[in-house]
Amino acid sequence: MVTSKKAAPSAALDINTFIPARDFDLSKRFYRACGFGEDWTNGEVAFFKNGSLSFLLRAEEDPAWATGLQMQLVVSSADEWYEQVRPAVDQFGGSAEPPVNRPWGARDFVLTDPTGVRWRITQQNA
């Protein structure tokens, strides 16, 4: 029996997540204060960037979608990011736990945005 090989699909170039926002304007201010640049918005979706990383913020009313979502952002210093996001949490809501060393070797903290989306901010291992 002769089998033919299928061509591999073309390479993926990027992947972005739609982050839900119950209060779209509040969430946009929160992410800008956290250090993300708002590249564009159409009133329902906004494109945010920090360096080469990006995500889409989307106006979304379903609270289950937000509370079930967790993102991981890998950074060079969890402690510096914690200090960077604290003012955004104080001003716009959400929460940020102080960075800790985890049993599996990572140093990280959990940032929760005003909608309830959890971000695990993880320090890159050297």
N, C-alpha and C. Protein backbone atom coordinates (compact mmCIF):
# COMPACT_ATOMS: atom_id res chain seq x y z
N MET A 1 0.84 -1.17 0.00
CA MET A 1 0.00 0.00 0.00
C MET A 1 0.90 1.25 0.00
N VAL A 2 0.64 2.14 -0.88
CA VAL A 2 1.40 3.38 -0.99
C VAL A 2 0.59 4.50 -0.34
N THR A 3 1.25 5.19 0.55
CA THR A 3 0.58 6.33 1.17
C THR A 3 1.25 7.60 0.68
N SER A 4 0.46 8.58 0.49
CA SER A 4 1.03 9.86 0.05
C SER A 4 1.11 10.80 1.25
N LYS A 5 2.16 11.54 1.27
CA LYS A 5 2.33 12.50 2.35
C LYS A 5 1.62 13.79 1.98
N LYS A 6 0.91 14.31 2.96
CA LYS A 6 0.25 15.59 2.75
C LYS A 6 1.25 16.70 3.06
N ALA A 7 1.13 17.76 2.33
CA ALA A 7 2.00 18.90 2.59
C ALA A 7 1.63 19.49 3.95
N ALA A 8 2.64 19.91 4.67
CA ALA A 8 2.41 20.56 5.96
C ALA A 8 1.72 21.89 5.72
N PRO A 9 0.85 22.28 6.65
CA PRO A 9 0.20 23.59 6.50
C PRO A 9 1.25 24.70 6.60
N SER A 10 0.94 25.82 6.02
CA SER A 10 1.88 26.94 6.11
C SER A 10 2.07 27.33 7.58
N ALA A 11 3.21 27.90 7.87
CA ALA A 11 3.56 28.24 9.25
C ALA A 11 2.64 29.32 9.80
N ALA A 12 2.27 29.18 11.06
CA ALA A 12 1.52 30.23 11.74
C ALA A 12 2.45 31.42 11.97
N LEU A 13 1.93 32.61 11.84
CA LEU A 13 2.76 33.80 11.97
C LEU A 13 2.56 34.54 13.28
N ASP A 14 1.40 34.39 13.88
CA ASP A 14 1.12 35.12 15.11
C ASP A 14 -0.12 34.50 15.74
N ILE A 15 -0.31 34.76 17.02
CA ILE A 15 -1.53 34.34 17.70
C ILE A 15 -1.90 35.45 18.68
N ASN A 16 -3.15 35.81 18.71
CA ASN A 16 -3.62 36.85 19.61
C ASN A 16 -4.85 36.36 20.34
N THR A 17 -5.00 36.82 21.54
CA THR A 17 -6.14 36.49 22.37
C THR A 17 -7.06 37.69 22.45
N PHE A 18 -8.36 37.44 22.45
CA PHE A 18 -9.33 38.48 22.71
C PHE A 18 -9.60 38.49 24.21
N ILE A 19 -9.18 39.55 24.88
CA ILE A 19 -9.39 39.70 26.32
C ILE A 19 -10.74 40.39 26.52
N PRO A 20 -11.66 39.80 27.27
CA PRO A 20 -12.97 40.42 27.45
C PRO A 20 -12.91 41.62 28.40
N ALA A 21 -13.76 42.60 28.13
CA ALA A 21 -13.83 43.80 28.97
C ALA A 21 -15.29 44.16 29.17
N ARG A 22 -15.76 44.06 30.41
CA ARG A 22 -17.15 44.46 30.70
C ARG A 22 -17.31 45.96 30.58
N ASP A 23 -16.36 46.72 31.09
CA ASP A 23 -16.34 48.17 30.94
C ASP A 23 -15.16 48.48 30.02
N PHE A 24 -15.45 48.62 28.74
CA PHE A 24 -14.41 48.74 27.71
C PHE A 24 -13.49 49.93 27.96
N ASP A 25 -14.05 51.11 28.25
CA ASP A 25 -13.22 52.30 28.46
C ASP A 25 -12.35 52.17 29.71
N LEU A 26 -12.92 51.65 30.80
CA LEU A 26 -12.15 51.43 32.02
C LEU A 26 -11.01 50.46 31.76
N SER A 27 -11.28 49.38 31.07
CA SER A 27 -10.25 48.37 30.78
C SER A 27 -9.15 48.95 29.90
N LYS A 28 -9.52 49.77 28.93
CA LYS A 28 -8.49 50.40 28.09
C LYS A 28 -7.58 51.28 28.94
N ARG A 29 -8.14 52.06 29.84
CA ARG A 29 -7.31 52.90 30.71
C ARG A 29 -6.42 52.04 31.61
N PHE A 30 -6.97 50.93 32.13
CA PHE A 30 -6.21 50.02 32.98
C PHE A 30 -4.99 49.47 32.23
N TYR A 31 -5.20 48.96 31.02
CA TYR A 31 -4.08 48.36 30.28
C TYR A 31 -3.06 49.40 29.84
N ARG A 32 -3.51 50.60 29.50
CA ARG A 32 -2.55 51.66 29.18
C ARG A 32 -1.71 51.98 30.42
N ALA A 33 -2.34 52.06 31.59
CA ALA A 33 -1.61 52.34 32.83
C ALA A 33 -0.66 51.21 33.21
N CYS A 34 -0.94 49.99 32.77
CA CYS A 34 -0.07 48.84 33.04
C CYS A 34 1.16 48.81 32.13
N GLY A 35 1.17 49.66 31.10
CA GLY A 35 2.34 49.72 30.23
C GLY A 35 2.12 49.21 28.82
N PHE A 36 0.87 48.95 28.45
CA PHE A 36 0.57 48.52 27.09
C PHE A 36 0.14 49.71 26.26
N GLY A 37 0.63 49.80 25.04
CA GLY A 37 0.23 50.87 24.15
C GLY A 37 -1.00 50.47 23.35
N GLU A 38 -1.96 51.39 23.27
CA GLU A 38 -3.17 51.14 22.47
C GLU A 38 -2.86 51.57 21.04
N ASP A 39 -2.77 50.59 20.15
CA ASP A 39 -2.39 50.86 18.76
C ASP A 39 -3.58 51.37 17.95
N TRP A 40 -4.73 50.74 18.12
CA TRP A 40 -5.95 51.17 17.44
C TRP A 40 -7.18 50.65 18.17
N THR A 41 -8.31 51.28 17.91
CA THR A 41 -9.59 50.81 18.45
C THR A 41 -10.68 51.17 17.47
N ASN A 42 -11.75 50.36 17.48
CA ASN A 42 -12.91 50.68 16.65
C ASN A 42 -14.15 50.88 17.52
N GLY A 43 -13.97 51.00 18.82
CA GLY A 43 -15.09 51.18 19.74
C GLY A 43 -15.59 49.89 20.36
N GLU A 44 -15.25 48.76 19.77
CA GLU A 44 -15.64 47.46 20.30
C GLU A 44 -14.43 46.57 20.56
N VAL A 45 -13.38 46.79 19.79
CA VAL A 45 -12.13 46.04 19.91
C VAL A 45 -10.98 47.04 19.92
N ALA A 46 -9.99 46.79 20.76
CA ALA A 46 -8.78 47.62 20.78
C ALA A 46 -7.57 46.70 20.72
N PHE A 47 -6.56 47.13 19.99
CA PHE A 47 -5.32 46.36 19.82
C PHE A 47 -4.25 46.98 20.71
N PHE A 48 -3.71 46.17 21.65
CA PHE A 48 -2.70 46.63 22.59
C PHE A 48 -1.38 45.94 22.34
N LYS A 49 -0.28 46.67 22.55
CA LYS A 49 1.06 46.12 22.34
C LYS A 49 1.99 46.54 23.48
N ASN A 50 2.98 45.68 23.70
CA ASN A 50 4.12 46.01 24.55
C ASN A 50 5.29 45.29 23.90
N GLY A 51 6.18 46.04 23.29
CA GLY A 51 7.26 45.42 22.52
C GLY A 51 6.67 44.66 21.35
N SER A 52 7.07 43.41 21.18
CA SER A 52 6.56 42.60 20.08
C SER A 52 5.31 41.80 20.46
N LEU A 53 4.85 41.94 21.71
CA LEU A 53 3.69 41.18 22.18
C LEU A 53 2.42 42.01 22.05
N SER A 54 1.31 41.32 21.78
CA SER A 54 0.06 42.05 21.60
C SER A 54 -1.13 41.20 22.00
N PHE A 55 -2.24 41.88 22.24
CA PHE A 55 -3.52 41.22 22.47
C PHE A 55 -4.63 42.16 22.03
N LEU A 56 -5.81 41.61 21.89
CA LEU A 56 -6.99 42.38 21.52
C LEU A 56 -7.92 42.45 22.72
N LEU A 57 -8.38 43.63 23.04
CA LEU A 57 -9.35 43.84 24.11
C LEU A 57 -10.71 43.99 23.43
N ARG A 58 -11.70 43.25 23.93
CA ARG A 58 -13.01 43.25 23.28
C ARG A 58 -14.10 43.53 24.30
N ALA A 59 -15.01 44.42 23.95
CA ALA A 59 -16.18 44.68 24.79
C ALA A 59 -16.98 43.39 24.88
N GLU A 60 -17.19 42.91 26.11
CA GLU A 60 -17.85 41.61 26.33
C GLU A 60 -18.65 41.68 27.62
N GLU A 61 -19.88 41.28 27.56
CA GLU A 61 -20.75 41.35 28.72
C GLU A 61 -20.79 40.08 29.56
N ASP A 62 -20.40 38.94 29.01
CA ASP A 62 -20.53 37.65 29.70
C ASP A 62 -19.44 37.50 30.76
N PRO A 63 -19.79 37.57 32.06
CA PRO A 63 -18.77 37.48 33.11
C PRO A 63 -18.08 36.12 33.18
N ALA A 64 -18.73 35.06 32.72
CA ALA A 64 -18.12 33.73 32.76
C ALA A 64 -16.90 33.66 31.85
N TRP A 65 -16.96 34.38 30.75
CA TRP A 65 -15.84 34.37 29.81
C TRP A 65 -14.61 34.97 30.48
N ALA A 66 -14.78 36.04 31.24
CA ALA A 66 -13.64 36.71 31.87
C ALA A 66 -13.05 35.90 33.01
N THR A 67 -13.88 35.38 33.89
CA THR A 67 -13.36 34.70 35.08
C THR A 67 -12.75 33.34 34.75
N GLY A 68 -13.02 32.81 33.58
CA GLY A 68 -12.42 31.54 33.20
C GLY A 68 -11.14 31.67 32.41
N LEU A 69 -10.70 32.89 32.18
CA LEU A 69 -9.54 33.13 31.34
C LEU A 69 -8.33 33.50 32.18
N GLN A 70 -7.19 32.85 31.89
CA GLN A 70 -5.94 33.21 32.54
C GLN A 70 -4.85 33.29 31.47
N MET A 71 -4.11 34.37 31.51
CA MET A 71 -3.03 34.60 30.56
C MET A 71 -1.70 34.47 31.31
N GLN A 72 -0.63 34.22 30.57
CA GLN A 72 0.71 34.28 31.15
C GLN A 72 1.52 35.26 30.33
N LEU A 73 2.17 36.17 31.03
CA LEU A 73 3.07 37.13 30.42
C LEU A 73 4.44 36.88 31.02
N VAL A 74 5.42 36.55 30.19
CA VAL A 74 6.78 36.29 30.65
C VAL A 74 7.57 37.58 30.54
N VAL A 75 8.19 37.98 31.65
CA VAL A 75 8.90 39.25 31.72
C VAL A 75 10.31 39.02 32.26
N SER A 76 11.16 40.04 32.16
CA SER A 76 12.52 39.89 32.68
C SER A 76 12.58 40.06 34.19
N SER A 77 11.62 40.81 34.77
CA SER A 77 11.60 41.01 36.23
C SER A 77 10.16 41.10 36.73
N ALA A 78 9.73 40.10 37.47
CA ALA A 78 8.39 40.12 38.05
C ALA A 78 8.25 41.26 39.05
N ASP A 79 9.31 41.55 39.80
CA ASP A 79 9.25 42.62 40.79
C ASP A 79 9.06 43.99 40.13
N GLU A 80 9.76 44.24 39.03
CA GLU A 80 9.59 45.51 38.32
C GLU A 80 8.19 45.63 37.74
N TRP A 81 7.65 44.55 37.18
CA TRP A 81 6.29 44.59 36.63
C TRP A 81 5.26 44.80 37.74
N TYR A 82 5.50 44.21 38.88
CA TYR A 82 4.58 44.41 40.00
C TYR A 82 4.52 45.90 40.36
N GLU A 83 5.68 46.51 40.46
CA GLU A 83 5.72 47.95 40.79
C GLU A 83 5.08 48.78 39.67
N GLN A 84 5.20 48.33 38.44
CA GLN A 84 4.62 49.05 37.29
C GLN A 84 3.10 48.99 37.28
N VAL A 85 2.52 47.83 37.67
CA VAL A 85 1.05 47.67 37.56
C VAL A 85 0.30 48.10 38.81
N ARG A 86 0.98 48.22 39.95
CA ARG A 86 0.29 48.60 41.20
C ARG A 86 -0.53 49.89 41.07
N PRO A 87 0.01 50.96 40.47
CA PRO A 87 -0.80 52.17 40.33
C PRO A 87 -2.07 51.96 39.50
N ALA A 88 -1.99 51.11 38.47
CA ALA A 88 -3.18 50.83 37.64
C ALA A 88 -4.24 50.12 38.47
N VAL A 89 -3.82 49.18 39.30
CA VAL A 89 -4.76 48.46 40.17
C VAL A 89 -5.39 49.43 41.17
N ASP A 90 -4.57 50.28 41.76
CA ASP A 90 -5.08 51.25 42.73
C ASP A 90 -6.08 52.21 42.09
N GLN A 91 -5.82 52.61 40.86
CA GLN A 91 -6.66 53.60 40.21
C GLN A 91 -7.90 53.02 39.54
N PHE A 92 -7.78 51.85 38.91
CA PHE A 92 -8.86 51.32 38.08
C PHE A 92 -9.50 50.04 38.61
N GLY A 93 -8.96 49.47 39.67
CA GLY A 93 -9.53 48.24 40.23
C GLY A 93 -8.78 47.01 39.77
N GLY A 94 -9.27 45.87 40.20
CA GLY A 94 -8.56 44.62 39.98
C GLY A 94 -7.72 44.32 41.20
N SER A 95 -6.72 43.48 41.05
CA SER A 95 -5.85 43.15 42.17
C SER A 95 -4.50 42.66 41.65
N ALA A 96 -3.52 42.72 42.51
CA ALA A 96 -2.18 42.20 42.20
C ALA A 96 -1.59 41.66 43.49
N GLU A 97 -1.27 40.38 43.48
CA GLU A 97 -0.59 39.76 44.62
C GLU A 97 0.90 40.05 44.51
N PRO A 98 1.59 40.24 45.60
CA PRO A 98 3.05 40.45 45.52
C PRO A 98 3.75 39.25 44.89
N PRO A 99 4.87 39.48 44.19
CA PRO A 99 5.61 38.38 43.59
C PRO A 99 6.10 37.39 44.65
N VAL A 100 6.10 36.11 44.27
CA VAL A 100 6.60 35.05 45.15
C VAL A 100 7.40 34.05 44.33
N ASN A 101 8.29 33.34 45.03
CA ASN A 101 9.03 32.24 44.41
C ASN A 101 8.17 30.98 44.54
N ARG A 102 7.85 30.36 43.42
CA ARG A 102 7.00 29.18 43.41
C ARG A 102 7.83 27.91 43.61
N PRO A 103 7.21 26.84 44.15
CA PRO A 103 7.94 25.58 44.37
C PRO A 103 8.54 24.99 43.09
N TRP A 104 7.97 25.30 41.96
CA TRP A 104 8.46 24.74 40.70
C TRP A 104 9.57 25.59 40.09
N GLY A 105 10.02 26.64 40.82
CA GLY A 105 11.18 27.41 40.38
C GLY A 105 10.89 28.75 39.75
N ALA A 106 9.63 29.08 39.52
CA ALA A 106 9.29 30.36 38.91
C ALA A 106 9.10 31.44 39.97
N ARG A 107 9.33 32.67 39.59
CA ARG A 107 8.96 33.83 40.41
C ARG A 107 7.89 34.55 39.63
N ASP A 108 6.73 34.75 40.26
CA ASP A 108 5.64 35.38 39.54
C ASP A 108 4.64 36.02 40.49
N PHE A 109 3.65 36.66 39.90
CA PHE A 109 2.51 37.17 40.66
C PHE A 109 1.28 37.13 39.76
N VAL A 110 0.12 37.19 40.39
CA VAL A 110 -1.13 37.18 39.64
C VAL A 110 -1.73 38.57 39.66
N LEU A 111 -1.98 39.08 38.46
CA LEU A 111 -2.64 40.36 38.26
C LEU A 111 -4.05 40.06 37.75
N THR A 112 -5.06 40.62 38.39
CA THR A 112 -6.43 40.45 37.93
C THR A 112 -6.94 41.81 37.46
N ASP A 113 -7.44 41.85 36.21
CA ASP A 113 -7.90 43.12 35.66
C ASP A 113 -9.30 43.47 36.18
N PRO A 114 -9.82 44.64 35.89
CA PRO A 114 -11.13 45.04 36.42
C PRO A 114 -12.29 44.14 36.00
N THR A 115 -12.13 43.38 34.92
CA THR A 115 -13.18 42.46 34.47
C THR A 115 -13.08 41.11 35.15
N GLY A 116 -11.91 40.76 35.69
CA GLY A 116 -11.71 39.47 36.34
C GLY A 116 -10.77 38.55 35.61
N VAL A 117 -10.19 39.00 34.49
CA VAL A 117 -9.20 38.19 33.76
C VAL A 117 -7.92 38.15 34.59
N ARG A 118 -7.40 36.93 34.80
CA ARG A 118 -6.17 36.76 35.56
C ARG A 118 -4.96 36.67 34.62
N TRP A 119 -3.94 37.42 34.95
CA TRP A 119 -2.67 37.38 34.24
C TRP A 119 -1.61 36.87 35.21
N ARG A 120 -0.93 35.81 34.86
CA ARG A 120 0.21 35.34 35.65
C ARG A 120 1.45 35.99 35.03
N ILE A 121 2.04 36.91 35.77
CA ILE A 121 3.22 37.63 35.30
C ILE A 121 4.44 36.86 35.83
N THR A 122 5.13 36.20 34.92
CA THR A 122 6.18 35.24 35.29
C THR A 122 7.54 35.75 34.85
N GLN A 123 8.48 35.71 35.77
CA GLN A 123 9.84 36.11 35.46
C GLN A 123 10.54 35.02 34.68
N GLN A 124 11.17 35.43 33.59
CA GLN A 124 11.90 34.48 32.75
C GLN A 124 13.08 33.91 33.53
N ASN A 125 13.23 32.60 33.45
CA ASN A 125 14.37 31.96 34.13
C ASN A 125 15.65 32.29 33.37
N ALA A 126 16.70 32.54 34.13
CA ALA A 126 17.99 32.90 33.51
C ALA A 126 18.69 31.69 32.97
